[in-house]
Each structure stands twice: as structure tokens, then as C-alpha cells.
Amino acid sequence: MDQYSHDPLSAPDEDGAHNRQESRDSLFLMADFRVVGGSEVRPLRVRNLSAGGLMAELQGGLEQGLRVEFDVRGIGWVPGQVAWSAAGRIGVAFDQQIDPLLARKPVGQGAQTPTFVKPIFGRPLR
């Protein structure tokens, strides 16, 4: 077998960083992140999200193994560690599984539709 072969019956890696068997939800979502122990919160773009981690765009990347936390809409702060970093993107393995569908739920819970999103109908022609 070469280095690119994959045996589906083999045990997954212990650290979970290379476990790509769960489905990922491709999306475009803004989230905040911070390095664990740090106070600076920075925004980034999440490109895909799964129960076990995410991939995000981050200019300059981060060091592999660095402990981080992400404030994911609909979920809250989720801790994990950087699994890989390359070409302005990072992959993060979460410490615990999340429900990625919660990030897709609508944000507003209002009872009324705001005026600015209602369709404007002209007066009927006579």
C-alpha cells in the first residue's frame, strides 16, 4: 500500500485530527475565535462544519496543536485544537461533538417580519 491508501477497517487516529469519516456541512459562516488563555477575540470565516470540527479561513494560519475556542452561532463557545494549518486555512478538531445543524437555524425569533424585508406591491392598474 502506498501513503495515500486508506483501509476503511483500520482504527482511526488516536488524536482525531485525521478522522475525516463524518459528514461535513459546507457553508459560509462568520464566527469569533480566541486562543485558549488569551483575551483577543478575532473574526474568521468558517467554510465547513461537522460534529467533530471545522475548516476556516485565517490569513497566516495557526500553529498545529494550539488550543482554541470558537463562538459558533446557535451553539456558543466550542473548544478544540488546531489539527492542520495550510494556505490561509485551518482545520480544528473539537474536544466534544456538536450538532452542526444548530448553526443553520434562523437567528431571529421575532413574531413580525421587519418592514424592510416585506415585498412592495404597486397599486393595481385600472
N, C-alpha and C. Protein backbone atom coordinates (compact mmCIF):
# COMPACT_ATOMS: atom_id res chain seq x y z
N MET A 1 0.83 -1.19 0.00
CA MET A 1 0.00 0.00 0.00
C MET A 1 0.87 1.24 0.00
N ASP A 2 0.43 2.26 -0.71
CA ASP A 2 1.20 3.50 -0.70
C ASP A 2 0.69 4.42 0.40
N GLN A 3 1.31 5.59 0.52
CA GLN A 3 0.96 6.51 1.62
C GLN A 3 -0.43 7.11 1.49
N TYR A 4 -1.07 6.99 0.31
CA TYR A 4 -2.38 7.57 0.11
C TYR A 4 -3.51 6.56 0.22
N SER A 5 -3.18 5.31 0.39
CA SER A 5 -4.22 4.30 0.52
C SER A 5 -4.91 4.42 1.86
N HIS A 6 -6.16 4.03 1.88
CA HIS A 6 -6.93 4.11 3.12
C HIS A 6 -7.65 2.79 3.34
N ASP A 7 -7.41 2.18 4.45
CA ASP A 7 -8.08 0.94 4.80
C ASP A 7 -9.26 1.29 5.69
N PRO A 8 -10.52 1.17 5.20
CA PRO A 8 -11.68 1.58 6.00
C PRO A 8 -11.88 0.75 7.26
N LEU A 9 -11.20 -0.41 7.36
CA LEU A 9 -11.36 -1.24 8.54
C LEU A 9 -10.32 -0.94 9.61
N SER A 10 -9.35 -0.10 9.28
CA SER A 10 -8.31 0.22 10.27
C SER A 10 -8.86 1.18 11.32
N ALA A 11 -8.24 1.17 12.49
CA ALA A 11 -8.68 2.04 13.58
C ALA A 11 -8.36 3.49 13.24
N PRO A 12 -9.23 4.44 13.64
CA PRO A 12 -8.95 5.84 13.39
C PRO A 12 -7.78 6.31 14.24
N ASP A 13 -7.14 7.42 13.81
CA ASP A 13 -6.04 8.00 14.57
C ASP A 13 -6.50 8.35 15.97
N GLU A 14 -5.62 8.21 16.93
CA GLU A 14 -5.96 8.45 18.33
C GLU A 14 -6.31 9.90 18.61
N ASP A 15 -5.62 10.85 17.93
CA ASP A 15 -5.87 12.26 18.24
C ASP A 15 -7.10 12.81 17.55
N GLY A 16 -7.67 12.09 16.60
CA GLY A 16 -8.88 12.54 15.93
C GLY A 16 -8.62 13.57 14.86
N ALA A 17 -7.40 14.06 14.73
CA ALA A 17 -7.09 15.11 13.77
C ALA A 17 -7.24 14.64 12.33
N HIS A 18 -7.06 13.37 12.07
CA HIS A 18 -7.13 12.87 10.71
C HIS A 18 -8.41 12.07 10.45
N ASN A 19 -9.35 12.13 11.35
CA ASN A 19 -10.61 11.40 11.20
C ASN A 19 -11.55 12.21 10.32
N ARG A 20 -11.68 11.81 9.06
CA ARG A 20 -12.49 12.55 8.11
C ARG A 20 -13.71 11.74 7.69
N GLN A 21 -14.17 10.82 8.55
CA GLN A 21 -15.24 9.93 8.16
C GLN A 21 -16.63 10.50 8.45
N GLU A 22 -16.72 11.60 9.20
CA GLU A 22 -18.02 12.19 9.46
C GLU A 22 -18.35 13.19 8.37
N SER A 23 -19.63 13.40 8.12
CA SER A 23 -20.02 14.32 7.06
C SER A 23 -19.77 15.76 7.48
N ARG A 24 -19.35 16.55 6.50
CA ARG A 24 -19.10 17.96 6.74
C ARG A 24 -20.15 18.76 5.99
N ASP A 25 -20.60 19.84 6.59
CA ASP A 25 -21.61 20.70 6.01
C ASP A 25 -20.91 21.94 5.46
N SER A 26 -20.89 22.06 4.13
CA SER A 26 -20.27 23.21 3.50
C SER A 26 -21.15 24.43 3.72
N LEU A 27 -20.55 25.53 4.16
CA LEU A 27 -21.32 26.73 4.42
C LEU A 27 -20.40 27.93 4.45
N PHE A 28 -20.96 29.09 4.60
CA PHE A 28 -20.20 30.32 4.79
C PHE A 28 -20.77 30.97 6.03
N LEU A 29 -19.99 30.97 7.10
CA LEU A 29 -20.47 31.44 8.39
C LEU A 29 -19.36 32.23 9.07
N MET A 30 -19.69 33.38 9.60
CA MET A 30 -18.71 34.15 10.36
C MET A 30 -18.75 33.66 11.80
N ALA A 31 -17.59 33.58 12.42
CA ALA A 31 -17.50 33.16 13.82
C ALA A 31 -16.34 33.91 14.46
N ASP A 32 -16.37 34.01 15.76
CA ASP A 32 -15.25 34.58 16.51
C ASP A 32 -14.43 33.45 17.06
N PHE A 33 -13.12 33.69 17.22
CA PHE A 33 -12.29 32.69 17.86
C PHE A 33 -11.27 33.38 18.75
N ARG A 34 -10.73 32.61 19.66
CA ARG A 34 -9.65 33.09 20.52
C ARG A 34 -8.76 31.91 20.87
N VAL A 35 -7.51 32.23 21.16
CA VAL A 35 -6.58 31.23 21.64
C VAL A 35 -6.89 31.02 23.12
N VAL A 36 -6.97 29.76 23.56
CA VAL A 36 -7.26 29.48 24.96
C VAL A 36 -6.20 30.15 25.84
N GLY A 37 -6.66 30.89 26.83
CA GLY A 37 -5.76 31.61 27.72
C GLY A 37 -5.51 33.04 27.27
N GLY A 38 -5.90 33.37 26.04
CA GLY A 38 -5.72 34.72 25.52
C GLY A 38 -6.99 35.53 25.66
N SER A 39 -6.88 36.84 25.49
CA SER A 39 -8.05 37.70 25.62
C SER A 39 -8.52 38.26 24.28
N GLU A 40 -7.66 38.21 23.26
CA GLU A 40 -8.02 38.77 21.96
C GLU A 40 -9.00 37.85 21.23
N VAL A 41 -10.13 38.42 20.81
CA VAL A 41 -11.14 37.69 20.04
C VAL A 41 -11.08 38.22 18.61
N ARG A 42 -10.95 37.31 17.65
CA ARG A 42 -10.84 37.69 16.24
C ARG A 42 -11.92 36.99 15.42
N PRO A 43 -12.43 37.67 14.38
CA PRO A 43 -13.41 37.03 13.50
C PRO A 43 -12.71 36.19 12.43
N LEU A 44 -13.41 35.20 11.93
CA LEU A 44 -12.93 34.42 10.79
C LEU A 44 -14.10 33.84 10.04
N ARG A 45 -13.83 33.29 8.85
CA ARG A 45 -14.87 32.69 8.02
C ARG A 45 -14.80 31.18 8.12
N VAL A 46 -15.89 30.57 8.55
CA VAL A 46 -15.97 29.11 8.62
C VAL A 46 -16.47 28.62 7.26
N ARG A 47 -15.74 27.68 6.66
CA ARG A 47 -16.09 27.15 5.34
C ARG A 47 -16.83 25.82 5.40
N ASN A 48 -16.52 24.99 6.39
CA ASN A 48 -17.34 23.79 6.59
C ASN A 48 -17.32 23.43 8.06
N LEU A 49 -18.37 22.75 8.45
CA LEU A 49 -18.60 22.44 9.86
C LEU A 49 -19.14 21.03 9.97
N SER A 50 -18.63 20.28 10.93
CA SER A 50 -19.13 18.94 11.19
C SER A 50 -19.27 18.78 12.70
N ALA A 51 -19.76 17.64 13.13
CA ALA A 51 -19.92 17.39 14.56
C ALA A 51 -18.59 17.41 15.29
N GLY A 52 -17.52 17.07 14.59
CA GLY A 52 -16.22 16.94 15.24
C GLY A 52 -15.23 18.06 14.98
N GLY A 53 -15.57 19.03 14.11
CA GLY A 53 -14.62 20.09 13.83
C GLY A 53 -15.07 21.03 12.75
N LEU A 54 -14.14 21.88 12.31
CA LEU A 54 -14.44 22.86 11.28
C LEU A 54 -13.21 23.17 10.46
N MET A 55 -13.45 23.77 9.29
CA MET A 55 -12.39 24.34 8.50
C MET A 55 -12.72 25.81 8.32
N ALA A 56 -11.72 26.67 8.51
CA ALA A 56 -11.95 28.11 8.42
C ALA A 56 -10.81 28.79 7.68
N GLU A 57 -11.12 29.96 7.13
CA GLU A 57 -10.10 30.78 6.50
C GLU A 57 -9.48 31.66 7.57
N LEU A 58 -8.16 31.67 7.62
CA LEU A 58 -7.45 32.52 8.57
C LEU A 58 -6.09 32.86 8.00
N GLN A 59 -5.97 34.11 7.54
CA GLN A 59 -4.70 34.57 6.97
C GLN A 59 -3.57 34.36 7.98
N GLY A 60 -2.51 33.74 7.56
CA GLY A 60 -1.37 33.49 8.44
C GLY A 60 -1.45 32.18 9.18
N GLY A 61 -2.64 31.58 9.25
CA GLY A 61 -2.79 30.28 9.90
C GLY A 61 -2.49 30.31 11.39
N LEU A 62 -2.43 29.13 11.98
CA LEU A 62 -2.12 28.95 13.40
C LEU A 62 -1.24 27.72 13.55
N GLU A 63 -0.54 27.64 14.63
CA GLU A 63 0.35 26.51 14.92
C GLU A 63 -0.47 25.24 15.20
N GLN A 64 -0.07 24.14 14.58
CA GLN A 64 -0.74 22.86 14.81
C GLN A 64 -0.64 22.49 16.29
N GLY A 65 -1.75 22.04 16.86
CA GLY A 65 -1.79 21.64 18.27
C GLY A 65 -2.22 22.77 19.20
N LEU A 66 -2.30 24.00 18.68
CA LEU A 66 -2.70 25.15 19.50
C LEU A 66 -4.13 24.99 19.98
N ARG A 67 -4.38 25.25 21.25
CA ARG A 67 -5.74 25.16 21.83
C ARG A 67 -6.50 26.45 21.51
N VAL A 68 -7.69 26.31 20.95
CA VAL A 68 -8.51 27.45 20.54
C VAL A 68 -9.96 27.23 20.94
N GLU A 69 -10.76 28.30 20.88
CA GLU A 69 -12.20 28.25 21.13
C GLU A 69 -12.89 29.06 20.05
N PHE A 70 -14.06 28.59 19.62
CA PHE A 70 -14.84 29.26 18.59
C PHE A 70 -16.23 29.56 19.11
N ASP A 71 -16.71 30.77 18.83
CA ASP A 71 -18.07 31.15 19.17
C ASP A 71 -18.92 30.93 17.93
N VAL A 72 -19.54 29.77 17.83
CA VAL A 72 -20.32 29.39 16.67
C VAL A 72 -21.77 29.75 16.90
N ARG A 73 -22.34 30.50 15.95
CA ARG A 73 -23.73 30.94 16.04
C ARG A 73 -24.66 29.75 16.31
N GLY A 74 -25.54 29.90 17.29
CA GLY A 74 -26.50 28.86 17.63
C GLY A 74 -25.96 27.78 18.55
N ILE A 75 -24.64 27.80 18.80
CA ILE A 75 -24.02 26.76 19.62
C ILE A 75 -23.31 27.36 20.82
N GLY A 76 -22.55 28.43 20.61
CA GLY A 76 -21.77 29.05 21.68
C GLY A 76 -20.30 28.72 21.54
N TRP A 77 -19.55 28.94 22.60
CA TRP A 77 -18.10 28.71 22.58
C TRP A 77 -17.79 27.21 22.59
N VAL A 78 -17.00 26.80 21.62
CA VAL A 78 -16.64 25.39 21.44
C VAL A 78 -15.11 25.27 21.47
N PRO A 79 -14.55 24.53 22.44
CA PRO A 79 -13.10 24.37 22.50
C PRO A 79 -12.60 23.25 21.58
N GLY A 80 -11.36 23.39 21.16
CA GLY A 80 -10.74 22.37 20.33
C GLY A 80 -9.26 22.66 20.13
N GLN A 81 -8.67 21.98 19.15
CA GLN A 81 -7.26 22.23 18.87
C GLN A 81 -7.03 22.22 17.37
N VAL A 82 -6.06 23.00 16.94
CA VAL A 82 -5.73 23.10 15.52
C VAL A 82 -5.13 21.77 15.07
N ALA A 83 -5.79 21.14 14.09
CA ALA A 83 -5.33 19.85 13.56
C ALA A 83 -4.36 20.06 12.40
N TRP A 84 -4.58 21.11 11.61
CA TRP A 84 -3.72 21.43 10.49
C TRP A 84 -3.88 22.89 10.12
N SER A 85 -2.89 23.42 9.43
CA SER A 85 -2.90 24.81 9.00
C SER A 85 -2.09 24.91 7.72
N ALA A 86 -2.73 25.39 6.63
CA ALA A 86 -2.04 25.49 5.34
C ALA A 86 -2.78 26.45 4.43
N ALA A 87 -2.04 27.22 3.66
CA ALA A 87 -2.58 28.07 2.59
C ALA A 87 -3.73 28.97 3.06
N GLY A 88 -3.59 29.58 4.23
CA GLY A 88 -4.61 30.50 4.71
C GLY A 88 -5.86 29.85 5.26
N ARG A 89 -5.80 28.56 5.52
CA ARG A 89 -6.94 27.84 6.11
C ARG A 89 -6.45 27.01 7.29
N ILE A 90 -7.38 26.75 8.22
CA ILE A 90 -7.06 25.90 9.37
C ILE A 90 -8.15 24.85 9.53
N GLY A 91 -7.76 23.71 10.07
CA GLY A 91 -8.70 22.67 10.44
C GLY A 91 -8.63 22.50 11.94
N VAL A 92 -9.79 22.43 12.57
CA VAL A 92 -9.85 22.33 14.03
C VAL A 92 -10.67 21.11 14.42
N ALA A 93 -10.14 20.33 15.35
CA ALA A 93 -10.85 19.18 15.92
C ALA A 93 -11.43 19.62 17.26
N PHE A 94 -12.75 19.53 17.39
CA PHE A 94 -13.41 19.92 18.64
C PHE A 94 -13.13 18.89 19.73
N ASP A 95 -13.16 19.35 20.99
CA ASP A 95 -12.98 18.45 22.13
C ASP A 95 -14.18 17.52 22.29
N GLN A 96 -15.38 18.04 21.99
CA GLN A 96 -16.60 17.24 22.10
C GLN A 96 -17.45 17.48 20.86
N GLN A 97 -18.25 16.50 20.52
CA GLN A 97 -19.14 16.60 19.36
C GLN A 97 -20.18 17.70 19.57
N ILE A 98 -20.55 18.35 18.47
CA ILE A 98 -21.61 19.36 18.49
C ILE A 98 -22.68 18.96 17.49
N ASP A 99 -23.80 19.67 17.48
CA ASP A 99 -24.82 19.47 16.46
C ASP A 99 -24.66 20.60 15.45
N PRO A 100 -24.03 20.35 14.29
CA PRO A 100 -23.78 21.42 13.34
C PRO A 100 -25.04 22.04 12.75
N LEU A 101 -26.17 21.34 12.81
CA LEU A 101 -27.41 21.90 12.28
C LEU A 101 -27.88 23.11 13.09
N LEU A 102 -27.46 23.20 14.35
CA LEU A 102 -27.85 24.36 15.16
C LEU A 102 -27.29 25.66 14.58
N ALA A 103 -26.16 25.59 13.91
CA ALA A 103 -25.55 26.78 13.31
C ALA A 103 -26.35 27.27 12.10
N ARG A 104 -27.19 26.42 11.55
CA ARG A 104 -28.00 26.78 10.37
C ARG A 104 -29.39 27.30 10.73
N LYS A 105 -29.78 27.19 11.98
CA LYS A 105 -31.10 27.66 12.38
C LYS A 105 -31.19 29.17 12.24
N PRO A 106 -32.37 29.70 11.91
CA PRO A 106 -32.53 31.15 11.79
C PRO A 106 -32.18 31.85 13.10
N VAL A 107 -31.59 33.03 12.98
CA VAL A 107 -31.15 33.78 14.14
C VAL A 107 -32.31 34.45 14.83
N GLY A 108 -33.17 35.11 14.08
CA GLY A 108 -34.28 35.89 14.67
C GLY A 108 -35.41 35.01 15.16
N GLN A 109 -36.00 35.40 16.24
CA GLN A 109 -37.15 34.68 16.80
C GLN A 109 -38.36 35.61 16.91
N GLY A 110 -38.32 36.73 16.17
CA GLY A 110 -39.39 37.73 16.26
C GLY A 110 -40.71 37.22 15.71
N ALA A 111 -41.77 37.85 16.18
CA ALA A 111 -43.12 37.47 15.76
C ALA A 111 -43.55 38.20 14.50
N GLN A 112 -42.82 39.26 14.14
CA GLN A 112 -43.20 40.05 12.97
C GLN A 112 -42.04 40.10 11.98
N THR A 113 -42.39 40.21 10.71
CA THR A 113 -41.39 40.40 9.68
C THR A 113 -41.07 41.89 9.62
N PRO A 114 -39.81 42.27 9.68
CA PRO A 114 -39.48 43.69 9.60
C PRO A 114 -39.96 44.30 8.29
N THR A 115 -40.34 45.56 8.31
CA THR A 115 -40.87 46.25 7.15
C THR A 115 -39.91 46.18 5.97
N PHE A 116 -38.61 46.30 6.21
CA PHE A 116 -37.66 46.36 5.11
C PHE A 116 -37.51 45.06 4.34
N VAL A 117 -38.07 43.94 4.81
CA VAL A 117 -37.99 42.70 4.05
C VAL A 117 -39.33 42.28 3.47
N LYS A 118 -40.35 43.07 3.70
CA LYS A 118 -41.65 42.76 3.12
C LYS A 118 -41.66 43.20 1.65
N PRO A 119 -42.31 42.43 0.79
CA PRO A 119 -42.39 42.83 -0.62
C PRO A 119 -43.25 44.08 -0.77
N ILE A 120 -42.88 44.88 -1.74
CA ILE A 120 -43.65 46.09 -2.02
C ILE A 120 -44.47 45.82 -3.27
N PHE A 121 -45.78 45.89 -3.13
CA PHE A 121 -46.67 45.68 -4.26
C PHE A 121 -47.20 47.05 -4.70
N GLY A 122 -47.11 47.27 -6.01
CA GLY A 122 -47.64 48.52 -6.54
C GLY A 122 -49.17 48.48 -6.56
N ARG A 123 -49.75 49.63 -6.80
CA ARG A 123 -51.21 49.70 -6.90
C ARG A 123 -51.64 49.04 -8.21
N PRO A 124 -52.78 48.38 -8.21
CA PRO A 124 -53.26 47.72 -9.42
C PRO A 124 -53.54 48.75 -10.53
N LEU A 125 -53.23 48.36 -11.74
CA LEU A 125 -53.53 49.20 -12.90
C LEU A 125 -54.99 49.14 -13.22
N ARG A 126 -55.57 50.26 -13.63
CA ARG A 126 -57.01 50.27 -13.99
C ARG A 126 -57.20 50.48 -15.46
